[in-house]
C-alpha atoms as a PDB file:
ATOM      1  CA  MET A   1      24.520  20.583   6.823  1.00  0.00           C
ATOM      2  CA  ARG A   2      25.598  17.229   8.225  1.00  0.00           C
ATOM      3  CA  TYR A   3      24.289  14.925  10.931  1.00  0.00           C
ATOM      4  CA  SER A   4      26.326  13.939  13.937  1.00  0.00           C
ATOM      5  CA  THR A   5      27.868  10.453  13.990  1.00  0.00           C
ATOM      6  CA  PRO A   6      25.419   9.116  16.639  1.00  0.00           C
ATOM      7  CA  LEU A   7      22.453  10.324  14.587  1.00  0.00           C
ATOM      8  CA  LEU A   8      23.792   8.706  11.426  1.00  0.00           C
ATOM      9  CA  ALA A   9      24.323   5.492  13.365  1.00  0.00           C
ATOM     10  CA  GLY A  10      20.688   5.626  14.378  1.00  0.00           C
ATOM     11  CA  PHE A  11      19.619   5.952  10.747  1.00  0.00           C
ATOM     12  CA  ALA A  12      21.851   3.011   9.827  1.00  0.00           C
ATOM     13  CA  THR A  13      20.091   0.925  12.469  1.00  0.00           C
ATOM     14  CA  LEU A  14      16.749   1.776  10.903  1.00  0.00           C
ATOM     15  CA  ALA A  15      17.968   0.952   7.422  1.00  0.00           C
ATOM     16  CA  THR A  16      19.363  -2.477   8.264  1.00  0.00           C
ATOM     17  CA  ALA A  17      16.514  -3.806  10.421  1.00  0.00           C
ATOM     18  CA  SER A  18      14.542  -6.163   8.205  1.00  0.00           C
ATOM     19  CA  PRO A  19      11.821  -6.347   9.273  1.00  0.00           C
ATOM     20  CA  ILE A  20      11.890  -3.965  12.224  1.00  0.00           C
ATOM     21  CA  ASP A  21      10.625  -5.342  15.521  1.00  0.00           C
ATOM     22  CA  LEU A  22       7.468  -3.307  15.977  1.00  0.00           C
ATOM     23  CA  SER A  23       7.476  -3.931  19.727  1.00  0.00           C
ATOM     24  CA  ARG A  24      10.652  -1.847  20.099  1.00  0.00           C
ATOM     25  CA  SER A  25       9.263   1.674  20.207  1.00  0.00           C
ATOM     26  CA  THR A  26      12.724   3.262  20.054  1.00  0.00           C
ATOM     27  CA  LEU A  27      12.938   2.229  16.411  1.00  0.00           C
ATOM     28  CA  HIS A  28      10.001   4.500  15.596  1.00  0.00           C
ATOM     29  CA  LYS A  29      11.510   7.724  16.821  1.00  0.00           C
ATOM     30  CA  LEU A  30      10.603  10.483  14.413  1.00  0.00           C
ATOM     31  CA  PHE A  31      13.530  12.122  12.700  1.00  0.00           C
ATOM     32  CA  ILE A  32      13.620  15.435  10.899  1.00  0.00           C
ATOM     33  CA  ARG A  33      15.437  15.500   7.571  1.00  0.00           C
ATOM     34  CA  GLN A  34      16.372  19.151   7.887  1.00  0.00           C
ATOM     35  CA  ASP A  35      19.446  19.657  10.031  1.00  0.00           C
ATOM     36  CA  VAL A  36      18.476  19.312  13.679  1.00  0.00           C
ATOM     37  CA  GLN A  37      20.181  22.628  14.479  1.00  0.00           C
ATOM     38  CA  SER A  38      18.310  24.542  11.770  1.00  0.00           C
ATOM     39  CA  ALA A  39      14.824  25.960  12.071  1.00  0.00           C
ATOM     40  CA  ILE A  40      12.075  24.269  10.102  1.00  0.00           C
ATOM     41  CA  ASN A  41      10.819  26.452   7.251  1.00  0.00           C
ATOM     42  CA  ALA A  42       7.452  27.597   8.581  1.00  0.00           C
ATOM     43  CA  SER A  43       6.327  28.604   5.095  1.00  0.00           C
ATOM     44  CA  LEU A  44       6.465  24.998   3.844  1.00  0.00           C
ATOM     45  CA  PRO A  45       3.927  22.240   4.574  1.00  0.00           C
ATOM     46  CA  ASN A  46       4.959  19.283   6.738  1.00  0.00           C
ATOM     47  CA  VAL A  47       4.900  15.809   5.184  1.00  0.00           C
ATOM     48  CA  THR A  48       5.716  12.555   6.965  1.00  0.00           C
ATOM     49  CA  ILE A  49       7.154   9.589   5.077  1.00  0.00           C
ATOM     50  CA  PHE A  50       6.518   6.038   6.309  1.00  0.00           C
ATOM     51  CA  ALA A  51       9.016   3.657   4.699  1.00  0.00           C
ATOM     52  CA  THR A  52       8.367  -0.089   4.420  1.00  0.00           C
ATOM     53  CA  GLY A  53      10.966  -1.279   1.875  1.00  0.00           C
ATOM     54  CA  GLY A  54      10.375  -2.582  -1.645  1.00  0.00           C
ATOM     55  CA  THR A  55      12.060  -1.921  -4.969  1.00  0.00           C
ATOM     56  CA  ILE A  56      12.200   1.812  -4.306  1.00  0.00           C
ATOM     57  CA  ALA A  57      14.544   0.975  -1.407  1.00  0.00           C
ATOM     58  CA  SER A  58      16.550  -1.676  -3.286  1.00  0.00           C
ATOM     59  CA  GLN A  59      19.972  -1.936  -4.891  1.00  0.00           C
ATOM     60  CA  GLY A  60      21.387  -4.153  -7.609  1.00  0.00           C
ATOM     61  CA  THR A  61      24.955  -5.082  -8.418  1.00  0.00           C
ATOM     62  CA  SER A  62      25.005  -3.077 -11.667  1.00  0.00           C
ATOM     63  CA  ASN A  63      23.112  -0.174 -13.209  1.00  0.00           C
ATOM     64  CA  THR A  64      21.476  -2.479 -15.750  1.00  0.00           C
ATOM     65  CA  GLN A  65      20.123  -4.986 -13.223  1.00  0.00           C
ATOM     66  CA  THR A  66      16.345  -4.695 -12.880  1.00  0.00           C
ATOM     67  CA  THR A  67      15.579  -8.092 -11.321  1.00  0.00           C
ATOM     68  CA  GLY A  68      17.090 -10.020  -8.420  1.00  0.00           C
ATOM     69  CA  TYR A  69      18.063  -6.904  -6.461  1.00  0.00           C
ATOM     70  CA  SER A  70      18.060  -6.609  -2.671  1.00  0.00           C
ATOM     71  CA  VAL A  71      16.093  -4.384  -0.282  1.00  0.00           C
ATOM     72  CA  GLY A  72      18.254  -2.364   2.092  1.00  0.00           C
ATOM     73  CA  LEU A  73      18.015   1.403   1.690  1.00  0.00           C
ATOM     74  CA  GLY A  74      16.490   3.235   4.652  1.00  0.00           C
ATOM     75  CA  VAL A  75      14.120   6.178   4.593  1.00  0.00           C
ATOM     76  CA  GLN A  76      16.999   8.581   5.216  1.00  0.00           C
ATOM     77  CA  GLN A  77      18.748   7.383   2.058  1.00  0.00           C
ATOM     78  CA  LEU A  78      15.536   7.706   0.036  1.00  0.00           C
ATOM     79  CA  VAL A  79      15.211  11.337   1.103  1.00  0.00           C
ATOM     80  CA  ASN A  80      18.903  12.026   0.481  1.00  0.00           C
ATOM     81  CA  ALA A  81      18.454  10.856  -3.115  1.00  0.00           C
ATOM     82  CA  VAL A  82      15.818  13.540  -3.734  1.00  0.00           C
ATOM     83  CA  PRO A  83      17.036  16.702  -1.983  1.00  0.00           C
ATOM     84  CA  GLU A  84      14.619  18.735  -4.126  1.00  0.00           C
ATOM     85  CA  ILE A  85      11.722  17.667  -1.913  1.00  0.00           C
ATOM     86  CA  LEU A  86      13.213  19.823   0.847  1.00  0.00           C
ATOM     87  CA  ASN A  87      12.330  22.838  -1.293  1.00  0.00           C
ATOM     88  CA  ILE A  88       8.634  21.956  -1.228  1.00  0.00           C
ATOM     89  CA  SER A  89       8.115  20.489   2.246  1.00  0.00           C
ATOM     90  CA  ASN A  90       9.542  19.838   5.683  1.00  0.00           C
ATOM     91  CA  ILE A  91      10.156  16.100   5.727  1.00  0.00           C
ATOM     92  CA  ALA A  92       9.995  13.751   8.681  1.00  0.00           C
ATOM     93  CA  GLY A  93       9.983   9.962   8.550  1.00  0.00           C
ATOM     94  CA  TYR A  94       9.442   6.612  10.178  1.00  0.00           C
ATOM     95  CA  GLN A  95      11.049   3.323   9.148  1.00  0.00           C
ATOM     96  CA  ILE A  96       8.162   0.893   9.651  1.00  0.00           C
ATOM     97  CA  SER A  97       9.916  -2.087   8.028  1.00  0.00           C
ATOM     98  CA  ASN A  98      12.471  -2.739   5.303  1.00  0.00           C
ATOM     99  CA  VAL A  99      11.187  -5.754   3.408  1.00  0.00           C
ATOM    100  CA  ASP A 100       9.879  -6.749  -0.003  1.00  0.00           C
ATOM    101  CA  SER A 101       6.136  -6.150  -0.191  1.00  0.00           C
ATOM    102  CA  GLY A 102       5.371  -9.868  -0.203  1.00  0.00           C
ATOM    103  CA  SER A 103       6.572  -9.891   3.403  1.00  0.00           C
ATOM    104  CA  ILE A 104       4.222  -7.134   4.579  1.00  0.00           C
ATOM    105  CA  ASN A 105       1.951  -8.666   7.214  1.00  0.00           C
ATOM    106  CA  GLU A 106      -0.926  -7.676   9.482  1.00  0.00           C
ATOM    107  CA  THR A 107       1.427  -6.482  12.221  1.00  0.00           C
ATOM    108  CA  ILE A 108       3.023  -3.977   9.855  1.00  0.00           C
ATOM    109  CA  SER A 109      -0.303  -2.979   8.242  1.00  0.00           C
ATOM    110  CA  LEU A 110      -2.055  -2.317  11.552  1.00  0.00           C
ATOM    111  CA  LYS A 111       0.911  -0.393  12.948  1.00  0.00           C
ATOM    112  CA  LEU A 112       1.037   1.674   9.762  1.00  0.00           C
ATOM    113  CA  ALA A 113      -2.676   2.534   9.851  1.00  0.00           C
ATOM    114  CA  LYS A 114      -2.559   3.540  13.522  1.00  0.00           C
ATOM    115  CA  MET A 115       0.543   5.674  13.110  1.00  0.00           C
ATOM    116  CA  ILE A 116      -0.860   7.422  10.032  1.00  0.00           C
ATOM    117  CA  ASN A 117      -4.105   8.222  11.854  1.00  0.00           C
ATOM    118  CA  GLU A 118      -2.098   9.676  14.736  1.00  0.00           C
ATOM    119  CA  GLU A 119       0.109  11.693  12.404  1.00  0.00           C
ATOM    120  CA  LEU A 120      -2.748  13.130  10.342  1.00  0.00           C
ATOM    121  CA  ALA A 121      -4.575  14.146  13.515  1.00  0.00           C
ATOM    122  CA  LYS A 122      -1.819  16.741  14.074  1.00  0.00           C
ATOM    123  CA  ASP A 123      -2.752  20.199  12.804  1.00  0.00           C
ATOM    124  CA  THR A 124       0.817  20.750  11.660  1.00  0.00           C
ATOM    125  CA  VAL A 125       0.900  17.777   9.252  1.00  0.00           C
ATOM    126  CA  SER A 126      -0.398  18.280   5.698  1.00  0.00           C
ATOM    127  CA  GLY A 127      -0.225  14.682   4.479  1.00  0.00           C
ATOM    128  CA  VAL A 128       1.709  11.430   4.528  1.00  0.00           C
ATOM    129  CA  VAL A 129       3.596   9.300   2.024  1.00  0.00           C
ATOM    130  CA  VAL A 130       4.118   5.530   2.292  1.00  0.00           C
ATOM    131  CA  THR A 131       7.005   4.025   0.308  1.00  0.00           C
ATOM    132  CA  HIS A 132       6.180   0.423  -0.527  1.00  0.00           C
ATOM    133  CA  GLY A 133       7.054  -2.505  -2.762  1.00  0.00           C
ATOM    134  CA  THR A 134       4.824  -2.707  -5.819  1.00  0.00           C
ATOM    135  CA  ASP A 135       3.810  -6.382  -5.639  1.00  0.00           C
ATOM    136  CA  THR A 136       1.325  -5.853  -2.806  1.00  0.00           C
ATOM    137  CA  LEU A 137       1.148  -2.062  -2.846  1.00  0.00           C
ATOM    138  CA  GLU A 138      -2.497  -2.175  -3.931  1.00  0.00           C
ATOM    139  CA  GLU A 139      -3.389  -4.300  -0.881  1.00  0.00           C
ATOM    140  CA  THR A 140      -1.826  -1.880   1.605  1.00  0.00           C
ATOM    141  CA  ALA A 141      -3.353   1.060  -0.277  1.00  0.00           C
ATOM    142  CA  PHE A 142      -6.847  -0.460  -0.073  1.00  0.00           C
ATOM    143  CA  PHE A 143      -6.324  -1.299   3.603  1.00  0.00           C
ATOM    144  CA  LEU A 144      -5.354   2.293   4.384  1.00  0.00           C
ATOM    145  CA  GLU A 145      -8.269   3.564   2.292  1.00  0.00           C
ATOM    146  CA  SER A 146     -10.507   1.579   4.630  1.00  0.00           C
ATOM    147  CA  THR A 147      -8.801   2.354   7.950  1.00  0.00           C
ATOM    148  CA  VAL A 148      -7.441   5.917   7.795  1.00  0.00           C
ATOM    149  CA  ASN A 149     -10.009   8.502   8.823  1.00  0.00           C
ATOM    150  CA  SER A 150      -8.786  11.877   7.593  1.00  0.00           C
ATOM    151  CA  SER A 151      -9.463  14.350   4.822  1.00  0.00           C
ATOM    152  CA  LYS A 152      -5.718  14.788   4.349  1.00  0.00           C
ATOM    153  CA  PRO A 153      -3.923  12.950   1.517  1.00  0.00           C
ATOM    154  CA  VAL A 154      -2.339   9.537   2.030  1.00  0.00           C
ATOM    155  CA  ILE A 155      -0.042   8.648  -0.862  1.00  0.00           C
ATOM    156  CA  LEU A 156       1.344   5.173  -1.645  1.00  0.00           C
ATOM    157  CA  VAL A 157       4.448   5.234  -3.832  1.00  0.00           C
ATOM    158  CA  GLY A 158       6.945   2.694  -5.093  1.00  0.00           C
ATOM    159  CA  ALA A 159       9.220   1.944  -8.022  1.00  0.00           C
ATOM    160  CA  MET A 160       9.566  -0.647 -10.745  1.00  0.00           C
ATOM    161  CA  ARG A 161      13.345  -0.223 -10.991  1.00  0.00           C
ATOM    162  CA  PRO A 162      15.830  -0.369  -8.097  1.00  0.00           C
ATOM    163  CA  ALA A 163      17.630   2.766  -6.993  1.00  0.00           C
ATOM    164  CA  THR A 164      20.842   1.659  -8.720  1.00  0.00           C
ATOM    165  CA  ALA A 165      19.288   1.144 -12.169  1.00  0.00           C
ATOM    166  CA  LEU A 166      19.663   3.386 -15.186  1.00  0.00           C
ATOM    167  CA  SER A 167      16.649   5.723 -15.289  1.00  0.00           C
ATOM    168  CA  ALA A 168      15.507   4.604 -11.838  1.00  0.00           C
ATOM    169  CA  ASP A 169      11.910   5.726 -11.385  1.00  0.00           C
ATOM    170  CA  GLY A 170      11.863   5.870  -7.584  1.00  0.00           C
ATOM    171  CA  PRO A 171      13.270   9.390  -7.041  1.00  0.00           C
ATOM    172  CA  LEU A 172      10.788  11.177  -9.320  1.00  0.00           C
ATOM    173  CA  ASN A 173       7.929   9.035  -8.023  1.00  0.00           C
ATOM    174  CA  LEU A 174       8.855  10.042  -4.471  1.00  0.00           C
ATOM    175  CA  PHE A 175       9.110  13.727  -5.423  1.00  0.00           C
ATOM    176  CA  GLN A 176       5.644  13.588  -6.991  1.00  0.00           C
ATOM    177  CA  ALA A 177       4.195  11.722  -4.008  1.00  0.00           C
ATOM    178  CA  VAL A 178       5.492  14.342  -1.572  1.00  0.00           C
ATOM    179  CA  THR A 179       4.224  17.109  -3.864  1.00  0.00           C
ATOM    180  CA  LEU A 180       0.737  15.645  -3.786  1.00  0.00           C
ATOM    181  CA  ALA A 181       0.810  14.953  -0.035  1.00  0.00           C
ATOM    182  CA  ALA A 182       1.685  18.616   0.524  1.00  0.00           C
ATOM    183  CA  SER A 183      -0.935  19.959  -1.872  1.00  0.00           C
ATOM    184  CA  PRO A 184      -4.410  21.166  -0.805  1.00  0.00           C
ATOM    185  CA  ALA A 185      -5.628  19.599  -4.076  1.00  0.00           C
ATOM    186  CA  GLY A 186      -4.989  16.177  -2.562  1.00  0.00           C
ATOM    187  CA  ARG A 187      -7.525  16.616   0.239  1.00  0.00           C
ATOM    188  CA  ASN A 188     -10.803  14.694   0.408  1.00  0.00           C
ATOM    189  CA  ARG A 189      -9.637  12.151  -2.171  1.00  0.00           C
ATOM    190  CA  GLY A 190      -8.829   9.271   0.155  1.00  0.00           C
ATOM    191  CA  THR A 191      -5.702   7.166  -0.255  1.00  0.00           C
ATOM    192  CA  MET A 192      -3.977   7.504  -3.625  1.00  0.00           C
ATOM    193  CA  VAL A 193      -1.335   5.609  -5.599  1.00  0.00           C
ATOM    194  CA  VAL A 194       1.357   7.632  -7.394  1.00  0.00           C
ATOM    195  CA  LEU A 195       3.714   6.071  -9.944  1.00  0.00           C
ATOM    196  CA  ASN A 196       4.834   6.900 -13.473  1.00  0.00           C
ATOM    197  CA  ASP A 197       3.231  10.380 -13.518  1.00  0.00           C
ATOM    198  CA  ARG A 198      -0.201   8.939 -12.710  1.00  0.00           C
ATOM    199  CA  ILE A 199      -2.529   9.439  -9.750  1.00  0.00           C
ATOM    200  CA  GLY A 200      -4.921   6.596  -8.971  1.00  0.00           C
ATOM    201  CA  SER A 201      -7.551   5.864  -6.342  1.00  0.00           C
ATOM    202  CA  ALA A 202      -6.543   3.143  -3.893  1.00  0.00           C
ATOM    203  CA  PHE A 203     -10.098   1.824  -4.155  1.00  0.00           C
ATOM    204  CA  TYR A 204      -9.682   0.901  -7.826  1.00  0.00           C
ATOM    205  CA  THR A 205      -5.984   0.851  -8.741  1.00  0.00           C
ATOM    206  CA  THR A 206      -4.165  -2.448  -9.310  1.00  0.00           C
ATOM    207  CA  LYS A 207      -0.799  -3.577 -10.612  1.00  0.00           C
ATOM    208  CA  ASN A 208      -1.421  -4.744 -14.156  1.00  0.00           C
ATOM    209  CA  ASN A 209       2.045  -5.620 -15.459  1.00  0.00           C
ATOM    210  CA  ALA A 210       4.802  -7.512 -13.665  1.00  0.00           C
ATOM    211  CA  ASN A 211       7.692  -5.577 -15.202  1.00  0.00           C
ATOM    212  CA  THR A 212       6.884  -2.315 -17.003  1.00  0.00           C
ATOM    213  CA  LEU A 213       6.837   1.169 -15.521  1.00  0.00           C
ATOM    214  CA  ASP A 214       3.256   1.838 -16.624  1.00  0.00           C
ATOM    215  CA  THR A 215       1.720  -0.852 -14.458  1.00  0.00           C
ATOM    216  CA  PHE A 216      -0.602   0.818 -11.921  1.00  0.00           C
ATOM    217  CA  PHE A 217      -3.965   1.884 -13.306  1.00  0.00           C
ATOM    218  CA  SER A 218      -7.680   1.191 -13.159  1.00  0.00           C
ATOM    219  CA  THR A 219      -9.128   0.025 -16.467  1.00  0.00           C
ATOM    220  CA  GLU A 220     -12.768   0.821 -15.654  1.00  0.00           C
ATOM    221  CA  ALA A 221     -12.769   3.771 -13.240  1.00  0.00           C
ATOM    222  CA  GLY A 222      -9.738   5.421 -14.842  1.00  0.00           C
ATOM    223  CA  GLN A 223      -7.110   7.640 -13.250  1.00  0.00           C
ATOM    224  CA  LEU A 224      -7.828  10.491 -10.876  1.00  0.00           C
ATOM    225  CA  GLY A 225      -5.177  12.670 -12.461  1.00  0.00           C
ATOM    226  CA  VAL A 226      -1.649  13.068 -13.792  1.00  0.00           C
ATOM    227  CA  PHE A 227       1.510  15.055 -13.134  1.00  0.00           C
ATOM    228  CA  ILE A 228       2.552  17.623 -15.724  1.00  0.00           C
ATOM    229  CA  ASN A 229       5.955  19.159 -15.044  1.00  0.00           C
ATOM    230  CA  GLN A 230       5.653  17.774 -11.493  1.00  0.00           C
ATOM    231  CA  VAL A 231       2.354  19.580 -10.863  1.00  0.00           C
ATOM    232  CA  PRO A 232      -0.677  17.363 -10.027  1.00  0.00           C
ATOM    233  CA  PHE A 233      -3.700  17.853 -12.285  1.00  0.00           C
ATOM    234  CA  PHE A 234      -6.980  16.138 -11.390  1.00  0.00           C
ATOM    235  CA  PHE A 235      -9.703  15.171 -13.838  1.00  0.00           C
ATOM    236  CA  TYR A 236     -12.498  15.230 -11.272  1.00  0.00           C
ATOM    237  CA  ALA A 237     -13.620  17.061  -8.166  1.00  0.00           C
ATOM    238  CA  PRO A 238     -12.998  15.162  -4.906  1.00  0.00           C
ATOM    239  CA  SER A 239     -15.489  12.348  -4.412  1.00  0.00           C
ATOM    240  CA  GLU A 240     -15.850   9.158  -2.393  1.00  0.00           C
ATOM    241  CA  PRO A 241     -15.817   5.763  -4.151  1.00  0.00           C
ATOM    242  CA  VAL A 242     -19.176   4.005  -4.192  1.00  0.00           C
ATOM    243  CA  GLY A 243     -19.158   1.168  -1.662  1.00  0.00           C
ATOM    244  CA  ARG A 244     -16.277   2.477   0.426  1.00  0.00           C
ATOM    245  CA  VAL A 245     -16.457   1.240   4.024  1.00  0.00           C
ATOM    246  CA  GLN A 246     -14.511   2.806   6.885  1.00  0.00           C
ATOM    247  CA  PHE A 247     -13.187   0.782   9.839  1.00  0.00           C
ATOM    248  CA  ASP A 248     -11.791   1.934  13.164  1.00  0.00           C
ATOM    249  CA  VAL A 249      -8.673  -0.120  13.948  1.00  0.00           C
ATOM    250  CA  SER A 250      -7.445   1.958  16.874  1.00  0.00           C
ATOM    251  CA  ASN A 251      -8.128  -0.892  19.310  1.00  0.00           C
ATOM    252  CA  VAL A 252      -7.561  -3.788  16.905  1.00  0.00           C
ATOM    253  CA  THR A 253      -4.553  -5.977  17.702  1.00  0.00           C
ATOM    254  CA  ASP A 254      -4.874  -8.657  15.015  1.00  0.00           C
ATOM    255  CA  LEU A 255      -6.857  -9.360  11.871  1.00  0.00           C
ATOM    256  CA  ALA A 256      -9.013 -12.322  10.907  1.00  0.00           C
ATOM    257  CA  GLN A 257      -7.445 -14.941   8.644  1.00  0.00           C
ATOM    258  CA  VAL A 258      -9.188 -14.777   5.274  1.00  0.00           C
ATOM    259  CA  ASP A 259      -7.870 -17.141   2.596  1.00  0.00           C
ATOM    260  CA  ILE A 260      -8.322 -16.631  -1.151  1.00  0.00           C
ATOM    261  CA  LEU A 261      -8.994 -19.566  -3.482  1.00  0.00           C
ATOM    262  CA  TYR A 262      -8.693 -19.238  -7.244  1.00  0.00           C
ATOM    263  CA  SER A 263     -11.181 -21.190  -9.305  1.00  0.00           C
ATOM    264  CA  HIS A 264     -10.019 -23.042 -12.407  1.00  0.00           C
ATOM    265  CA  GLN A 265     -10.754 -26.116 -14.497  1.00  0.00           C
ATOM    266  CA  ASP A 266     -10.548 -29.303 -12.413  1.00  0.00           C
ATOM    267  CA  MET A 267     -10.417 -27.260  -9.213  1.00  0.00           C
ATOM    268  CA  ASP A 268      -9.893 -29.527  -6.212  1.00  0.00           C
ATOM    269  CA  PRO A 269     -13.157 -29.184  -4.235  1.00  0.00           C
ATOM    270  CA  TYR A 270     -11.367 -30.054  -0.998  1.00  0.00           C
ATOM    271  CA  LEU A 271      -9.357 -26.847  -1.076  1.00  0.00           C
ATOM    272  CA  PHE A 272     -12.263 -25.432   0.913  1.00  0.00           C
ATOM    273  CA  ASN A 273     -11.724 -28.098   3.578  1.00  0.00           C
ATOM    274  CA  ALA A 274      -7.976 -27.486   3.611  1.00  0.00           C
ATOM    275  CA  THR A 275      -8.272 -23.750   4.190  1.00  0.00           C
ATOM    276  CA  ILE A 276     -10.764 -24.278   7.025  1.00  0.00           C
ATOM    277  CA  ASP A 277      -8.458 -26.886   8.560  1.00  0.00           C
ATOM    278  CA  GLY A 278      -5.692 -24.300   8.292  1.00  0.00           C
ATOM    279  CA  GLY A 279      -7.587 -21.934  10.580  1.00  0.00           C
ATOM    280  CA  ALA A 280      -9.331 -19.614   8.129  1.00  0.00           C
ATOM    281  CA  ASP A 281     -12.006 -17.343   9.583  1.00  0.00           C
ATOM    282  CA  GLY A 282     -13.395 -16.686   6.121  1.00  0.00           C
ATOM    283  CA  ILE A 283     -12.891 -17.620   2.476  1.00  0.00           C
ATOM    284  CA  VAL A 284     -12.957 -15.530  -0.666  1.00  0.00           C
ATOM    285  CA  TYR A 285     -13.051 -17.498  -3.878  1.00  0.00           C
ATOM    286  CA  ALA A 286     -12.041 -15.828  -7.124  1.00  0.00           C
ATOM    287  CA  GLY A 287     -14.336 -17.585  -9.559  1.00  0.00           C
ATOM    288  CA  VAL A 288     -13.945 -17.976 -13.293  1.00  0.00           C
ATOM    289  CA  GLY A 289     -15.607 -15.395 -15.525  1.00  0.00           C
ATOM    290  CA  ALA A 290     -18.107 -13.444 -13.433  1.00  0.00           C
ATOM    291  CA  GLY A 291     -17.517 -15.635 -10.373  1.00  0.00           C
ATOM    292  CA  GLY A 292     -18.343 -19.246 -11.192  1.00  0.00           C
ATOM    293  CA  MET A 293     -16.746 -22.528 -10.196  1.00  0.00           C
ATOM    294  CA  SER A 294     -17.283 -26.170 -11.032  1.00  0.00           C
ATOM    295  CA  ARG A 295     -20.419 -27.924  -9.798  1.00  0.00           C
ATOM    296  CA  VAL A 296     -18.438 -30.340  -7.630  1.00  0.00           C
ATOM    297  CA  ALA A 297     -16.475 -27.496  -6.014  1.00  0.00           C
ATOM    298  CA  SER A 298     -19.689 -25.542  -5.417  1.00  0.00           C
ATOM    299  CA  LEU A 299     -21.358 -28.506  -3.728  1.00  0.00           C
ATOM    300  CA  ASN A 300     -18.394 -29.060  -1.420  1.00  0.00           C
ATOM    301  CA  ALA A 301     -18.230 -25.357  -0.595  1.00  0.00           C
ATOM    302  CA  GLU A 302     -21.890 -25.580   0.407  1.00  0.00           C
ATOM    303  CA  ARG A 303     -21.150 -28.569   2.654  1.00  0.00           C
ATOM    304  CA  VAL A 304     -18.250 -26.712   4.289  1.00  0.00           C
ATOM    305  CA  PHE A 305     -20.384 -23.647   4.914  1.00  0.00           C
ATOM    306  CA  ASN A 306     -23.308 -25.633   6.330  1.00  0.00           C
ATOM    307  CA  ALA A 307     -20.951 -27.526   8.664  1.00  0.00           C
ATOM    308  CA  THR A 308     -18.936 -24.543   9.904  1.00  0.00           C
ATOM    309  CA  GLY A 309     -20.898 -21.356   9.221  1.00  0.00           C
ATOM    310  CA  ILE A 310     -17.641 -19.714   8.135  1.00  0.00           C
ATOM    311  CA  PRO A 311     -18.399 -17.035   5.504  1.00  0.00           C
ATOM    312  CA  ILE A 312     -17.609 -17.817   1.867  1.00  0.00           C
ATOM    313  CA  VAL A 313     -17.556 -14.676  -0.290  1.00  0.00           C
ATOM    314  CA  ALA A 314     -17.801 -14.793  -4.071  1.00  0.00           C
ATOM    315  CA  SER A 315     -15.509 -12.722  -6.269  1.00  0.00           C
ATOM    316  CA  HIS A 316     -13.945 -13.331  -9.689  1.00  0.00           C
ATOM    317  CA  ARG A 317     -10.480 -13.733 -11.121  1.00  0.00           C
ATOM    318  CA  SER A 318     -11.237 -11.466 -14.105  1.00  0.00           C
ATOM    319  CA  SER A 319      -9.558  -8.103 -13.666  1.00  0.00           C
ATOM    320  CA  ASP A 320     -12.808  -6.164 -14.093  1.00  0.00           C
ATOM    321  CA  GLY A 321     -16.569  -6.669 -13.995  1.00  0.00           C
ATOM    322  CA  LEU A 322     -19.337  -7.222 -11.465  1.00  0.00           C
ATOM    323  CA  ASN A 323     -19.709 -10.186  -9.131  1.00  0.00           C
ATOM    324  CA  ILE A 324     -22.739 -11.633 -10.907  1.00  0.00           C
ATOM    325  CA  VAL A 325     -22.626 -14.878  -8.939  1.00  0.00           C
ATOM    326  CA  ALA A 326     -22.577 -13.022  -5.630  1.00  0.00           C
ATOM    327  CA  ALA A 327     -25.653 -11.074  -6.692  1.00  0.00           C
ATOM    328  CA  CYS A 328     -27.650 -14.242  -7.327  1.00  0.00           C
ATOM    329  CA  ASN A 329     -29.603 -16.239  -4.763  1.00  0.00           C
ATOM    330  CA  HIS A 330     -27.188 -18.473  -2.889  1.00  0.00           C
ATOM    331  CA  ASP A 331     -28.876 -18.804   0.476  1.00  0.00           C
ATOM    332  CA  GLY A 332     -27.731 -22.379   0.936  1.00  0.00           C
ATOM    333  CA  LEU A 333     -24.095 -21.633   0.135  1.00  0.00           C
ATOM    334  CA  GLY A 334     -24.026 -18.513   2.258  1.00  0.00           C
ATOM    335  CA  LEU A 335     -22.363 -16.384  -0.385  1.00  0.00           C
ATOM    336  CA  ARG A 336     -22.150 -12.659   0.253  1.00  0.00           C
END
């Protein structure tokens, strides 16, 4: 089956907009991958793909190029590359943006959360998949974990190699993501990250290597499950992460500016002043070890807090561990 020329032109418009103007509602028209003149297979679950760009939607100039490639493939082209997913689900899609993940912003994130909530509220939809660049995939995944209110699966998926590379990982990752989104086994597990045969919780999963395929995992909490022969197997019964907080963003139009400061030797104490002067509504500092920073930086942070009342939240730059500093008594500094 083939699409008409006007319909293909519409898909081309979606693919080349970078980023898409979210105020232009016509760019969010839902399309159905199955031929528009054919009946949807009522025996298959319905899965909606929200595409944002990233390596999974990128092309290089040769099949050995794995860096320096360019984003440009649209959601239609991603689906065309994996026709096998049409045997397991009825696919529909939205092109939310087409950018590298470093360019994902609050406008895109809020629009994505609202649209996913609306989509999952439909009885006919089994789950959703979000294609995303890997650099900030964990941030969007955590945001959706905190803002999507549904028992249905939300799957974040990306790729470490562009679509033009030898052994490109995007197509199989996408197939597995759709499989999980369509599966009843994916329910009541929150938002999940699927890459390289692994299933991780958005609450714990981070990108741990800048280049290799096996990059997304959680060193302490572990994986939720794996794919064997493209079938998802879970290690645990569905459960909610300890400390998970749910937010309703249905009426939210913008997000507070929260800046992150990394602590280090000889840290400039006036970075706290600079971020406040830059309009920050809050500060998170990633301290050394379990959350510490130099005495001079700590004293200036206390002065900034006492003068402004703007929250300063302690974290740590170590990849794992508890926020020991945040658990201590810091009434004067206002740490949380």
